[in-house]
């Protein structure tokens, strides 16, 4: 077991070779060291998807578990930052691309325009506030799509309540966008509903 000074030197001269627990020990109290070693054998995806309750079940204190959860969320956002992501080919990638919405206090409705390879051509916020099928009209959603070199659209909105469970209005909006896309020949690839650290894909639920 390395001392704190030895770990600092290892990280300073060979950061890439340091264990996850060693890096975290420079941030968290020594009392958490043994538990931090539990994280060494986890893959990136396993690690960043851990929640506060998962860390607490490993024996971490509430304070440390809360900090670790926030760190994992930061790492996920960094990994899927807009600067690095040019393609959206799955609901999970769409969620990470728009994960900034999970802390918004009001509903926002965004459209992402994609080409045939799933490359992001453009994204745009269309509506903000209380959303319903009257406000979110296919005409407004597809207006810009017909001007761009895109073959499909992806629509995303958030639920400030934190729950991504679709409402009846969400289902109606999805059905109208599906029909509008069929008429125009521009597919509505998915409708992602973002909650707090989780999401729902209307495509995965069978609505698209």
N, C-alpha and C. Protein backbone atom coordinates (compact mmCIF):
# COMPACT_ATOMS: atom_id res chain seq x y z
N UNK A 1 0.85 -1.20 0.00
CA UNK A 1 0.00 0.00 0.00
C UNK A 1 0.88 1.24 0.00
N UNK A 2 0.63 2.13 -0.94
CA UNK A 2 1.44 3.34 -1.06
C UNK A 2 0.96 4.41 -0.09
N UNK A 3 1.91 5.22 0.38
CA UNK A 3 1.54 6.36 1.22
C UNK A 3 0.97 7.44 0.32
N UNK A 4 0.36 8.46 0.94
CA UNK A 4 -0.23 9.55 0.17
C UNK A 4 0.84 10.27 -0.65
N UNK A 5 2.02 10.46 -0.07
CA UNK A 5 3.11 11.13 -0.80
C UNK A 5 3.57 10.30 -1.99
N UNK A 6 3.63 8.97 -1.80
CA UNK A 6 4.03 8.09 -2.90
C UNK A 6 3.01 8.12 -4.04
N UNK A 7 1.74 8.16 -3.66
CA UNK A 7 0.69 8.22 -4.68
C UNK A 7 0.79 9.52 -5.46
N UNK A 8 1.03 10.62 -4.76
CA UNK A 8 1.17 11.91 -5.43
C UNK A 8 2.31 11.87 -6.45
N UNK A 9 3.42 11.24 -6.07
CA UNK A 9 4.56 11.14 -6.98
C UNK A 9 4.24 10.25 -8.17
N UNK A 10 3.53 9.13 -7.92
CA UNK A 10 3.15 8.23 -9.01
C UNK A 10 2.25 8.95 -10.01
N UNK A 11 1.28 9.70 -9.50
CA UNK A 11 0.36 10.43 -10.37
C UNK A 11 1.09 11.54 -11.12
N UNK A 12 2.03 12.18 -10.43
CA UNK A 12 2.78 13.27 -11.06
C UNK A 12 3.62 12.78 -12.23
N UNK A 13 4.27 11.62 -12.06
CA UNK A 13 5.18 11.13 -13.09
C UNK A 13 4.56 10.10 -14.03
N UNK A 14 3.48 9.47 -13.59
CA UNK A 14 2.89 8.43 -14.44
C UNK A 14 1.39 8.33 -14.16
N UNK A 15 0.68 9.40 -14.49
CA UNK A 15 -0.75 9.48 -14.17
C UNK A 15 -1.55 8.38 -14.84
N UNK A 16 -1.18 8.03 -16.09
CA UNK A 16 -1.94 7.02 -16.83
C UNK A 16 -1.87 5.65 -16.16
N UNK A 17 -0.80 5.41 -15.41
CA UNK A 17 -0.63 4.10 -14.78
C UNK A 17 -1.22 4.01 -13.39
N UNK A 18 -1.73 5.10 -12.88
CA UNK A 18 -2.30 5.10 -11.53
C UNK A 18 -3.64 4.39 -11.51
N UNK A 19 -3.92 3.71 -10.40
CA UNK A 19 -5.20 3.04 -10.24
C UNK A 19 -6.29 4.08 -9.97
N UNK A 20 -7.53 3.70 -10.26
CA UNK A 20 -8.66 4.59 -9.98
C UNK A 20 -8.69 4.99 -8.51
N UNK A 21 -8.48 4.01 -7.63
CA UNK A 21 -8.52 4.28 -6.19
C UNK A 21 -7.42 5.24 -5.77
N UNK A 22 -6.26 5.17 -6.43
CA UNK A 22 -5.15 6.07 -6.08
C UNK A 22 -5.49 7.51 -6.46
N UNK A 23 -6.09 7.68 -7.64
CA UNK A 23 -6.48 9.02 -8.06
C UNK A 23 -7.54 9.59 -7.13
N UNK A 24 -8.50 8.75 -6.75
CA UNK A 24 -9.58 9.22 -5.88
C UNK A 24 -9.10 9.48 -4.46
N UNK A 25 -8.05 8.79 -4.05
CA UNK A 25 -7.55 9.00 -2.69
C UNK A 25 -6.98 10.41 -2.52
N UNK A 26 -6.55 11.01 -3.63
CA UNK A 26 -6.04 12.38 -3.56
C UNK A 26 -7.17 13.37 -3.34
N UNK A 27 -8.41 12.91 -3.49
CA UNK A 27 -9.58 13.78 -3.35
C UNK A 27 -10.36 13.47 -2.08
N UNK A 28 -10.49 12.18 -1.77
CA UNK A 28 -11.33 11.76 -0.65
C UNK A 28 -10.51 11.38 0.59
N UNK A 29 -11.16 11.34 1.76
CA UNK A 29 -10.46 11.04 3.01
C UNK A 29 -9.81 9.66 3.01
N UNK A 30 -8.75 9.52 3.80
CA UNK A 30 -8.03 8.26 3.91
C UNK A 30 -8.94 7.14 4.41
N UNK A 31 -9.94 7.50 5.21
CA UNK A 31 -10.84 6.49 5.77
C UNK A 31 -11.63 5.75 4.69
N UNK A 32 -11.70 6.32 3.49
CA UNK A 32 -12.45 5.69 2.40
C UNK A 32 -11.54 4.85 1.50
N UNK A 33 -10.25 4.78 1.80
CA UNK A 33 -9.27 4.15 0.91
C UNK A 33 -9.61 2.71 0.58
N UNK A 34 -9.91 1.91 1.59
CA UNK A 34 -10.18 0.49 1.36
C UNK A 34 -11.38 0.31 0.43
N UNK A 35 -12.39 1.12 0.64
CA UNK A 35 -13.60 1.01 -0.18
C UNK A 35 -13.33 1.50 -1.61
N UNK A 36 -12.45 2.50 -1.75
CA UNK A 36 -12.13 3.01 -3.08
C UNK A 36 -11.50 1.95 -3.96
N UNK A 37 -10.81 0.99 -3.33
CA UNK A 37 -10.18 -0.08 -4.11
C UNK A 37 -11.21 -0.96 -4.82
N UNK A 38 -12.45 -0.94 -4.34
CA UNK A 38 -13.51 -1.72 -4.98
C UNK A 38 -13.79 -1.22 -6.39
N UNK A 39 -13.39 0.02 -6.67
CA UNK A 39 -13.68 0.62 -7.97
C UNK A 39 -12.62 0.30 -9.02
N UNK A 40 -11.49 -0.26 -8.59
CA UNK A 40 -10.36 -0.46 -9.51
C UNK A 40 -10.67 -1.42 -10.66
N UNK A 41 -11.51 -2.41 -10.42
CA UNK A 41 -11.76 -3.43 -11.44
C UNK A 41 -12.99 -3.15 -12.30
N UNK A 42 -13.61 -1.99 -12.09
CA UNK A 42 -14.79 -1.66 -12.87
C UNK A 42 -14.40 -1.03 -14.21
N UNK A 43 -15.18 -1.32 -15.24
CA UNK A 43 -14.96 -0.67 -16.53
C UNK A 43 -15.47 0.76 -16.45
N UNK A 44 -15.16 1.54 -17.47
CA UNK A 44 -15.62 2.93 -17.50
C UNK A 44 -17.13 3.01 -17.41
N UNK A 45 -17.83 2.22 -18.24
CA UNK A 45 -19.29 2.28 -18.26
C UNK A 45 -19.89 1.82 -16.94
N UNK A 46 -19.31 0.79 -16.34
CA UNK A 46 -19.80 0.32 -15.04
C UNK A 46 -19.62 1.40 -13.98
N UNK A 47 -18.49 2.08 -14.03
CA UNK A 47 -18.18 3.08 -13.03
C UNK A 47 -19.08 4.31 -13.14
N UNK A 48 -19.20 4.86 -14.34
CA UNK A 48 -19.95 6.12 -14.49
C UNK A 48 -21.45 5.94 -14.33
N UNK A 49 -21.93 4.70 -14.40
CA UNK A 49 -23.37 4.47 -14.24
C UNK A 49 -23.77 4.15 -12.80
N UNK A 50 -22.80 4.17 -11.88
CA UNK A 50 -23.11 3.95 -10.48
C UNK A 50 -23.84 5.16 -9.90
N UNK A 51 -24.84 4.89 -9.07
CA UNK A 51 -25.62 5.94 -8.42
C UNK A 51 -25.21 6.06 -6.95
N UNK A 52 -25.72 7.08 -6.31
CA UNK A 52 -25.42 7.32 -4.90
C UNK A 52 -25.71 6.09 -4.04
N UNK A 53 -26.87 5.45 -4.30
CA UNK A 53 -27.24 4.28 -3.51
C UNK A 53 -26.27 3.12 -3.73
N UNK A 54 -25.68 3.04 -4.94
CA UNK A 54 -24.71 1.98 -5.22
C UNK A 54 -23.44 2.19 -4.41
N UNK A 55 -22.98 3.44 -4.36
CA UNK A 55 -21.78 3.74 -3.58
C UNK A 55 -22.03 3.51 -2.09
N UNK A 56 -23.23 3.86 -1.63
CA UNK A 56 -23.55 3.65 -0.21
C UNK A 56 -23.60 2.16 0.11
N UNK A 57 -24.08 1.35 -0.85
CA UNK A 57 -24.13 -0.10 -0.60
C UNK A 57 -22.73 -0.70 -0.51
N UNK A 58 -21.73 0.01 -1.06
CA UNK A 58 -20.34 -0.44 -0.96
C UNK A 58 -19.71 -0.03 0.37
N UNK A 59 -20.45 0.79 1.13
CA UNK A 59 -19.94 1.20 2.44
C UNK A 59 -19.48 2.63 2.53
N UNK A 60 -19.60 3.39 1.42
CA UNK A 60 -19.19 4.79 1.46
C UNK A 60 -20.18 5.60 2.29
N UNK A 61 -19.68 6.67 2.90
CA UNK A 61 -20.54 7.55 3.67
C UNK A 61 -21.48 8.28 2.71
N UNK A 62 -22.54 8.86 3.27
CA UNK A 62 -23.51 9.58 2.44
C UNK A 62 -22.83 10.73 1.70
N UNK A 63 -21.95 11.45 2.40
CA UNK A 63 -21.26 12.60 1.81
C UNK A 63 -20.37 12.16 0.64
N UNK A 64 -19.57 11.10 0.86
CA UNK A 64 -18.68 10.61 -0.19
C UNK A 64 -19.47 10.04 -1.36
N UNK A 65 -20.53 9.29 -1.05
CA UNK A 65 -21.36 8.69 -2.10
C UNK A 65 -21.98 9.78 -2.98
N UNK A 66 -22.41 10.86 -2.35
CA UNK A 66 -23.01 11.97 -3.09
C UNK A 66 -21.97 12.62 -4.00
N UNK A 67 -20.76 12.81 -3.49
CA UNK A 67 -19.69 13.42 -4.29
C UNK A 67 -19.30 12.50 -5.46
N UNK A 68 -19.22 11.20 -5.19
CA UNK A 68 -18.86 10.25 -6.24
C UNK A 68 -19.90 10.23 -7.35
N UNK A 69 -21.18 10.26 -6.97
CA UNK A 69 -22.23 10.27 -7.97
C UNK A 69 -22.12 11.49 -8.87
N UNK A 70 -21.85 12.65 -8.27
CA UNK A 70 -21.72 13.88 -9.06
C UNK A 70 -20.48 13.82 -9.96
N UNK A 71 -19.42 13.20 -9.46
CA UNK A 71 -18.22 13.04 -10.29
C UNK A 71 -18.51 12.16 -11.50
N UNK A 72 -19.26 11.08 -11.28
CA UNK A 72 -19.58 10.18 -12.39
C UNK A 72 -20.43 10.88 -13.44
N UNK A 73 -21.36 11.71 -12.99
CA UNK A 73 -22.20 12.47 -13.92
C UNK A 73 -21.34 13.43 -14.73
N UNK A 74 -20.37 14.05 -14.06
CA UNK A 74 -19.45 14.96 -14.76
C UNK A 74 -18.65 14.21 -15.82
N UNK A 75 -18.14 13.02 -15.47
CA UNK A 75 -17.36 12.23 -16.41
C UNK A 75 -18.19 11.83 -17.63
N UNK A 76 -19.46 11.47 -17.38
CA UNK A 76 -20.34 11.08 -18.49
C UNK A 76 -20.56 12.26 -19.42
N UNK A 77 -20.78 13.42 -18.84
CA UNK A 77 -21.01 14.61 -19.68
C UNK A 77 -19.76 14.99 -20.44
N UNK A 78 -18.62 14.82 -19.81
CA UNK A 78 -17.36 15.13 -20.48
C UNK A 78 -17.14 14.18 -21.64
N UNK A 79 -17.42 12.91 -21.41
CA UNK A 79 -17.22 11.89 -22.45
C UNK A 79 -18.12 12.13 -23.65
N UNK A 80 -19.34 12.54 -23.37
CA UNK A 80 -20.30 12.73 -24.46
C UNK A 80 -20.54 14.20 -24.76
N UNK A 81 -19.55 15.03 -24.49
CA UNK A 81 -19.71 16.47 -24.72
C UNK A 81 -19.97 16.75 -26.19
N UNK A 82 -20.66 17.82 -26.44
CA UNK A 82 -21.02 18.17 -27.82
C UNK A 82 -19.79 18.35 -28.69
N UNK A 83 -18.69 18.81 -28.06
CA UNK A 83 -17.47 19.05 -28.83
C UNK A 83 -16.93 17.76 -29.43
N UNK A 84 -17.19 16.62 -28.77
CA UNK A 84 -16.64 15.36 -29.23
C UNK A 84 -17.67 14.52 -29.97
N UNK A 85 -18.94 14.76 -29.73
CA UNK A 85 -19.95 13.92 -30.34
C UNK A 85 -20.50 14.56 -31.61
N UNK A 86 -20.31 13.90 -32.72
CA UNK A 86 -20.84 14.37 -33.98
C UNK A 86 -21.95 13.46 -34.49
N UNK A 87 -22.07 12.29 -33.89
CA UNK A 87 -23.07 11.32 -34.33
C UNK A 87 -23.97 10.90 -33.17
N UNK A 88 -25.23 10.66 -33.48
CA UNK A 88 -26.17 10.11 -32.52
C UNK A 88 -26.81 8.89 -33.17
N UNK A 89 -26.48 7.72 -32.64
CA UNK A 89 -26.95 6.48 -33.25
C UNK A 89 -27.71 5.59 -32.28
N UNK A 90 -27.95 6.08 -31.08
CA UNK A 90 -28.68 5.29 -30.10
C UNK A 90 -29.37 6.21 -29.11
N UNK A 91 -30.41 5.73 -28.43
CA UNK A 91 -31.07 6.56 -27.41
C UNK A 91 -30.11 7.01 -26.31
N UNK A 92 -29.17 6.14 -25.93
CA UNK A 92 -28.23 6.51 -24.87
C UNK A 92 -27.34 7.67 -25.31
N UNK A 93 -26.88 7.63 -26.56
CA UNK A 93 -26.06 8.73 -27.06
C UNK A 93 -26.87 10.03 -27.12
N UNK A 94 -28.14 9.91 -27.50
CA UNK A 94 -29.01 11.09 -27.54
C UNK A 94 -29.18 11.67 -26.14
N UNK A 95 -29.35 10.78 -25.17
CA UNK A 95 -29.51 11.22 -23.78
C UNK A 95 -28.27 11.98 -23.30
N UNK A 96 -27.10 11.44 -23.57
CA UNK A 96 -25.88 12.11 -23.13
C UNK A 96 -25.65 13.43 -23.88
N UNK A 97 -26.04 13.46 -25.13
CA UNK A 97 -25.89 14.68 -25.93
C UNK A 97 -26.72 15.82 -25.33
N UNK A 98 -27.91 15.46 -24.81
CA UNK A 98 -28.82 16.47 -24.26
C UNK A 98 -28.93 16.39 -22.73
N UNK A 99 -27.95 15.79 -22.08
CA UNK A 99 -28.03 15.60 -20.63
C UNK A 99 -28.05 16.90 -19.85
N UNK A 100 -27.68 18.01 -20.50
CA UNK A 100 -27.74 19.31 -19.82
C UNK A 100 -29.17 19.68 -19.44
N UNK A 101 -30.15 19.00 -20.05
CA UNK A 101 -31.55 19.31 -19.76
C UNK A 101 -32.04 18.73 -18.44
N UNK A 102 -31.29 17.80 -17.86
CA UNK A 102 -31.83 17.10 -16.69
C UNK A 102 -31.93 17.96 -15.44
N UNK A 103 -31.32 19.15 -15.46
CA UNK A 103 -31.42 20.03 -14.29
C UNK A 103 -32.23 21.30 -14.59
N UNK A 104 -32.81 21.39 -15.78
CA UNK A 104 -33.60 22.57 -16.13
C UNK A 104 -34.91 22.57 -15.35
N UNK A 105 -35.33 23.75 -14.92
CA UNK A 105 -36.52 23.88 -14.07
C UNK A 105 -37.81 24.04 -14.86
N UNK A 106 -37.70 24.27 -16.16
CA UNK A 106 -38.89 24.35 -17.01
C UNK A 106 -38.69 23.41 -18.20
N UNK A 107 -39.79 23.04 -18.82
CA UNK A 107 -39.71 22.14 -19.97
C UNK A 107 -39.11 22.85 -21.18
N UNK A 108 -38.23 22.15 -21.86
CA UNK A 108 -37.64 22.65 -23.10
C UNK A 108 -37.77 21.57 -24.17
N UNK A 109 -38.08 21.98 -25.37
CA UNK A 109 -38.25 21.04 -26.48
C UNK A 109 -37.21 21.36 -27.55
N UNK A 110 -36.36 20.36 -27.85
CA UNK A 110 -35.28 20.53 -28.80
C UNK A 110 -35.45 19.57 -29.97
N UNK A 111 -34.92 19.98 -31.12
CA UNK A 111 -34.90 19.12 -32.30
C UNK A 111 -33.46 18.98 -32.76
N UNK A 112 -33.07 17.75 -33.07
CA UNK A 112 -31.74 17.48 -33.60
C UNK A 112 -31.92 16.95 -35.02
N UNK A 113 -31.26 17.57 -35.97
CA UNK A 113 -31.38 17.19 -37.38
C UNK A 113 -30.20 16.29 -37.76
N UNK A 114 -30.50 15.11 -38.30
CA UNK A 114 -29.48 14.11 -38.59
C UNK A 114 -29.45 13.75 -40.07
N UNK A 115 -28.23 13.44 -40.57
CA UNK A 115 -28.15 12.96 -41.95
C UNK A 115 -28.30 11.44 -41.97
N UNK A 116 -28.09 10.82 -43.12
CA UNK A 116 -28.34 9.38 -43.25
C UNK A 116 -27.42 8.53 -42.38
N UNK A 117 -26.26 9.06 -42.01
CA UNK A 117 -25.31 8.33 -41.17
C UNK A 117 -25.48 8.61 -39.68
N UNK A 118 -26.48 9.42 -39.35
CA UNK A 118 -26.68 9.76 -37.95
C UNK A 118 -25.82 10.92 -37.49
N UNK A 119 -25.18 11.60 -38.43
CA UNK A 119 -24.36 12.75 -38.06
C UNK A 119 -25.25 13.95 -37.76
N UNK A 120 -24.90 14.67 -36.70
CA UNK A 120 -25.68 15.84 -36.30
C UNK A 120 -25.42 16.98 -37.27
N UNK A 121 -26.46 17.41 -37.96
CA UNK A 121 -26.36 18.54 -38.88
C UNK A 121 -26.57 19.85 -38.11
N UNK A 122 -27.54 19.81 -37.19
CA UNK A 122 -27.86 21.01 -36.42
C UNK A 122 -28.78 20.61 -35.27
N UNK A 123 -28.74 21.37 -34.19
CA UNK A 123 -29.73 21.18 -33.12
C UNK A 123 -30.33 22.54 -32.80
N UNK A 124 -31.57 22.54 -32.36
CA UNK A 124 -32.25 23.81 -32.14
C UNK A 124 -33.33 23.67 -31.07
N UNK A 125 -33.39 24.65 -30.18
CA UNK A 125 -34.47 24.70 -29.20
C UNK A 125 -35.68 25.34 -29.87
N UNK A 126 -36.82 24.65 -29.84
CA UNK A 126 -38.01 25.17 -30.50
C UNK A 126 -39.02 25.77 -29.53
N UNK A 127 -39.20 25.11 -28.39
CA UNK A 127 -40.22 25.57 -27.45
C UNK A 127 -39.68 25.52 -26.03
N UNK A 128 -40.25 26.37 -25.19
CA UNK A 128 -39.90 26.37 -23.77
C UNK A 128 -41.15 26.70 -22.97
N UNK A 129 -41.30 26.05 -21.83
CA UNK A 129 -42.49 26.25 -21.01
C UNK A 129 -43.34 25.01 -20.98
N UNK A 130 -44.60 25.16 -20.64
CA UNK A 130 -45.52 24.02 -20.57
C UNK A 130 -45.82 23.52 -21.98
N UNK A 131 -45.46 22.27 -22.25
CA UNK A 131 -45.60 21.73 -23.60
C UNK A 131 -46.84 20.85 -23.72
N UNK A 132 -47.55 21.01 -24.83
CA UNK A 132 -48.66 20.11 -25.15
C UNK A 132 -48.75 19.98 -26.66
N UNK A 133 -49.67 19.16 -27.12
CA UNK A 133 -49.76 18.88 -28.55
C UNK A 133 -50.19 20.09 -29.36
N UNK A 134 -50.78 21.09 -28.70
CA UNK A 134 -51.16 22.32 -29.40
C UNK A 134 -49.94 23.19 -29.66
N UNK A 135 -49.07 23.27 -28.66
CA UNK A 135 -47.85 24.07 -28.78
C UNK A 135 -46.85 23.40 -29.72
N UNK A 136 -46.61 22.10 -29.51
CA UNK A 136 -45.64 21.36 -30.33
C UNK A 136 -46.34 20.83 -31.57
N UNK A 137 -46.33 21.63 -32.62
CA UNK A 137 -47.00 21.26 -33.86
C UNK A 137 -45.97 20.75 -34.87
N UNK A 138 -46.28 19.66 -35.59
CA UNK A 138 -45.34 19.12 -36.58
C UNK A 138 -44.86 20.17 -37.59
N UNK A 139 -45.73 21.12 -37.92
CA UNK A 139 -45.36 22.16 -38.88
C UNK A 139 -44.12 22.91 -38.42
N UNK A 140 -44.09 23.27 -37.13
CA UNK A 140 -42.95 24.02 -36.59
C UNK A 140 -41.72 23.13 -36.47
N UNK A 141 -41.94 21.87 -36.13
CA UNK A 141 -40.82 20.95 -35.95
C UNK A 141 -40.11 20.66 -37.27
N UNK A 142 -40.90 20.46 -38.33
CA UNK A 142 -40.32 20.07 -39.62
C UNK A 142 -39.98 21.27 -40.52
N UNK A 143 -40.36 22.46 -40.10
CA UNK A 143 -40.13 23.65 -40.94
C UNK A 143 -38.66 23.78 -41.34
N UNK A 144 -37.77 23.62 -40.35
CA UNK A 144 -36.34 23.76 -40.64
C UNK A 144 -35.76 22.51 -41.27
N UNK A 145 -36.35 21.36 -40.95
CA UNK A 145 -35.82 20.09 -41.46
C UNK A 145 -35.84 20.05 -42.99
N UNK A 146 -36.87 20.62 -43.60
CA UNK A 146 -36.98 20.57 -45.06
C UNK A 146 -35.95 21.49 -45.73
N UNK A 147 -35.34 22.38 -44.96
CA UNK A 147 -34.33 23.29 -45.52
C UNK A 147 -32.92 22.74 -45.38
N UNK A 148 -32.76 21.71 -44.55
CA UNK A 148 -31.44 21.19 -44.24
C UNK A 148 -31.18 19.85 -44.93
N UNK A 149 -29.90 19.49 -45.10
CA UNK A 149 -29.55 18.18 -45.68
C UNK A 149 -29.68 17.07 -44.64
N UNK A 150 -30.90 16.87 -44.17
CA UNK A 150 -31.10 15.84 -43.15
C UNK A 150 -32.13 14.82 -43.63
N UNK A 151 -32.01 13.61 -43.14
CA UNK A 151 -32.94 12.55 -43.52
C UNK A 151 -33.86 12.17 -42.37
N UNK A 152 -33.51 12.63 -41.17
CA UNK A 152 -34.34 12.31 -40.00
C UNK A 152 -34.16 13.38 -38.93
N UNK A 153 -35.09 13.38 -38.00
CA UNK A 153 -34.99 14.29 -36.86
C UNK A 153 -35.07 13.47 -35.58
N UNK A 154 -34.52 14.01 -34.53
CA UNK A 154 -34.62 13.43 -33.20
C UNK A 154 -35.14 14.53 -32.30
N UNK A 155 -36.23 14.29 -31.60
CA UNK A 155 -36.77 15.33 -30.72
C UNK A 155 -36.53 14.94 -29.27
N UNK A 156 -36.28 15.94 -28.46
CA UNK A 156 -35.93 15.72 -27.06
C UNK A 156 -36.61 16.78 -26.20
N UNK A 157 -37.17 16.36 -25.08
CA UNK A 157 -37.63 17.34 -24.11
C UNK A 157 -37.44 16.78 -22.71
N UNK A 158 -37.46 17.66 -21.74
CA UNK A 158 -37.20 17.27 -20.35
C UNK A 158 -38.46 17.34 -19.50
N UNK A 159 -38.45 16.59 -18.41
CA UNK A 159 -39.49 16.66 -17.40
C UNK A 159 -38.86 17.22 -16.12
N UNK A 160 -39.14 18.47 -15.77
CA UNK A 160 -38.55 19.06 -14.57
C UNK A 160 -38.86 18.29 -13.29
N UNK A 161 -39.91 17.47 -13.31
CA UNK A 161 -40.26 16.67 -12.14
C UNK A 161 -39.19 15.63 -11.83
N UNK A 162 -38.38 15.30 -12.85
CA UNK A 162 -37.33 14.30 -12.66
C UNK A 162 -37.71 12.93 -13.17
N UNK A 163 -39.00 12.70 -13.41
CA UNK A 163 -39.46 11.40 -13.91
C UNK A 163 -39.60 11.45 -15.43
N UNK A 164 -38.98 10.50 -16.15
CA UNK A 164 -39.07 10.50 -17.61
C UNK A 164 -40.25 9.70 -18.15
N UNK A 165 -41.18 9.34 -17.29
CA UNK A 165 -42.35 8.57 -17.73
C UNK A 165 -43.19 9.43 -18.67
N UNK A 166 -43.48 8.95 -19.89
CA UNK A 166 -44.23 9.77 -20.86
C UNK A 166 -45.67 10.00 -20.43
N UNK A 167 -46.14 11.22 -20.67
CA UNK A 167 -47.53 11.57 -20.39
C UNK A 167 -48.37 11.29 -21.62
N UNK A 168 -49.68 11.43 -21.49
CA UNK A 168 -50.57 11.26 -22.64
C UNK A 168 -50.24 12.29 -23.72
N UNK A 169 -49.88 13.51 -23.29
CA UNK A 169 -49.50 14.55 -24.24
C UNK A 169 -48.23 14.15 -24.99
N UNK A 170 -47.27 13.55 -24.28
CA UNK A 170 -46.02 13.11 -24.92
C UNK A 170 -46.31 12.07 -26.00
N UNK A 171 -47.21 11.16 -25.68
CA UNK A 171 -47.57 10.10 -26.64
C UNK A 171 -48.26 10.71 -27.86
N UNK A 172 -49.15 11.67 -27.63
CA UNK A 172 -49.86 12.31 -28.74
C UNK A 172 -48.89 13.09 -29.62
N UNK A 173 -47.96 13.82 -29.00
CA UNK A 173 -46.95 14.56 -29.76
C UNK A 173 -46.12 13.61 -30.61
N UNK A 174 -45.72 12.49 -30.03
CA UNK A 174 -44.92 11.50 -30.75
C UNK A 174 -45.67 10.96 -31.95
N UNK A 175 -46.94 10.63 -31.77
CA UNK A 175 -47.74 10.09 -32.87
C UNK A 175 -47.90 11.11 -34.00
N UNK A 176 -48.08 12.38 -33.64
CA UNK A 176 -48.25 13.41 -34.67
C UNK A 176 -46.95 13.64 -35.43
N UNK A 177 -45.82 13.59 -34.73
CA UNK A 177 -44.53 13.76 -35.39
C UNK A 177 -44.22 12.56 -36.29
N UNK A 178 -44.61 11.39 -35.85
CA UNK A 178 -44.41 10.18 -36.67
C UNK A 178 -45.19 10.30 -37.98
N UNK A 179 -46.44 10.75 -37.89
CA UNK A 179 -47.27 10.90 -39.08
C UNK A 179 -46.75 12.02 -39.97
N UNK A 180 -46.35 13.15 -39.36
CA UNK A 180 -45.81 14.26 -40.14
C UNK A 180 -44.54 13.87 -40.88
N UNK A 181 -43.69 13.11 -40.22
CA UNK A 181 -42.46 12.65 -40.85
C UNK A 181 -42.73 11.69 -42.00
N UNK A 182 -43.76 10.86 -41.84
CA UNK A 182 -44.12 9.91 -42.91
C UNK A 182 -44.57 10.66 -44.16
N UNK A 183 -45.34 11.72 -43.96
CA UNK A 183 -45.85 12.49 -45.09
C UNK A 183 -44.73 13.23 -45.82
N UNK A 184 -43.79 13.78 -45.04
CA UNK A 184 -42.71 14.59 -45.62
C UNK A 184 -41.51 13.75 -46.06
N UNK A 185 -41.46 12.50 -45.65
CA UNK A 185 -40.32 11.67 -45.99
C UNK A 185 -39.10 11.95 -45.14
N UNK A 186 -39.33 12.53 -43.95
CA UNK A 186 -38.25 12.80 -43.00
C UNK A 186 -38.61 12.08 -41.70
N UNK A 187 -37.94 11.00 -41.43
CA UNK A 187 -38.28 10.15 -40.29
C UNK A 187 -38.07 10.85 -38.95
N UNK A 188 -39.00 10.63 -38.05
CA UNK A 188 -38.78 11.03 -36.66
C UNK A 188 -38.13 9.82 -35.99
N UNK A 189 -36.81 9.87 -35.84
CA UNK A 189 -36.03 8.71 -35.40
C UNK A 189 -36.34 8.32 -33.96
N UNK A 190 -36.58 9.31 -33.11
CA UNK A 190 -36.88 9.00 -31.71
C UNK A 190 -37.37 10.26 -31.01
N UNK A 191 -38.01 10.05 -29.90
CA UNK A 191 -38.43 11.13 -29.01
C UNK A 191 -37.91 10.75 -27.64
N UNK A 192 -36.92 11.48 -27.17
CA UNK A 192 -36.28 11.19 -25.90
C UNK A 192 -36.84 12.11 -24.82
N UNK A 193 -37.26 11.52 -23.72
CA UNK A 193 -37.74 12.29 -22.57
C UNK A 193 -36.70 12.18 -21.47
N UNK A 194 -36.19 13.30 -21.03
CA UNK A 194 -35.10 13.31 -20.05
C UNK A 194 -35.61 13.67 -18.66
N UNK A 195 -35.27 12.80 -17.70
CA UNK A 195 -35.58 13.06 -16.30
C UNK A 195 -34.28 13.35 -15.56
N UNK A 196 -34.26 13.10 -14.27
CA UNK A 196 -33.06 13.33 -13.48
C UNK A 196 -32.17 12.09 -13.52
N UNK A 197 -31.09 12.18 -14.28
CA UNK A 197 -30.13 11.09 -14.44
C UNK A 197 -30.72 9.85 -15.10
N UNK A 198 -31.81 9.99 -15.84
CA UNK A 198 -32.40 8.87 -16.56
C UNK A 198 -33.23 9.40 -17.72
N UNK A 199 -33.62 8.50 -18.60
CA UNK A 199 -34.36 8.94 -19.78
C UNK A 199 -35.31 7.84 -20.25
N UNK A 200 -36.23 8.22 -21.14
CA UNK A 200 -37.12 7.27 -21.79
C UNK A 200 -37.04 7.49 -23.29
N UNK A 201 -36.95 6.41 -24.04
CA UNK A 201 -36.96 6.46 -25.50
C UNK A 201 -38.33 6.00 -25.99
N UNK A 202 -39.03 6.87 -26.69
CA UNK A 202 -40.35 6.50 -27.21
C UNK A 202 -40.22 5.42 -28.29
N UNK A 203 -39.08 5.38 -28.95
CA UNK A 203 -38.84 4.33 -29.94
C UNK A 203 -38.72 2.98 -29.25
N UNK A 204 -37.99 2.94 -28.15
CA UNK A 204 -37.82 1.69 -27.42
C UNK A 204 -39.14 1.21 -26.82
N UNK A 205 -40.05 2.16 -26.56
CA UNK A 205 -41.36 1.79 -26.03
C UNK A 205 -42.32 1.35 -27.13
N UNK A 206 -41.89 1.50 -28.39
CA UNK A 206 -42.70 1.03 -29.51
C UNK A 206 -43.59 2.06 -30.16
N UNK A 207 -43.43 3.32 -29.79
CA UNK A 207 -44.27 4.37 -30.38
C UNK A 207 -43.72 4.86 -31.72
N UNK A 208 -42.47 4.55 -32.02
CA UNK A 208 -41.86 4.96 -33.29
C UNK A 208 -41.21 3.76 -33.97
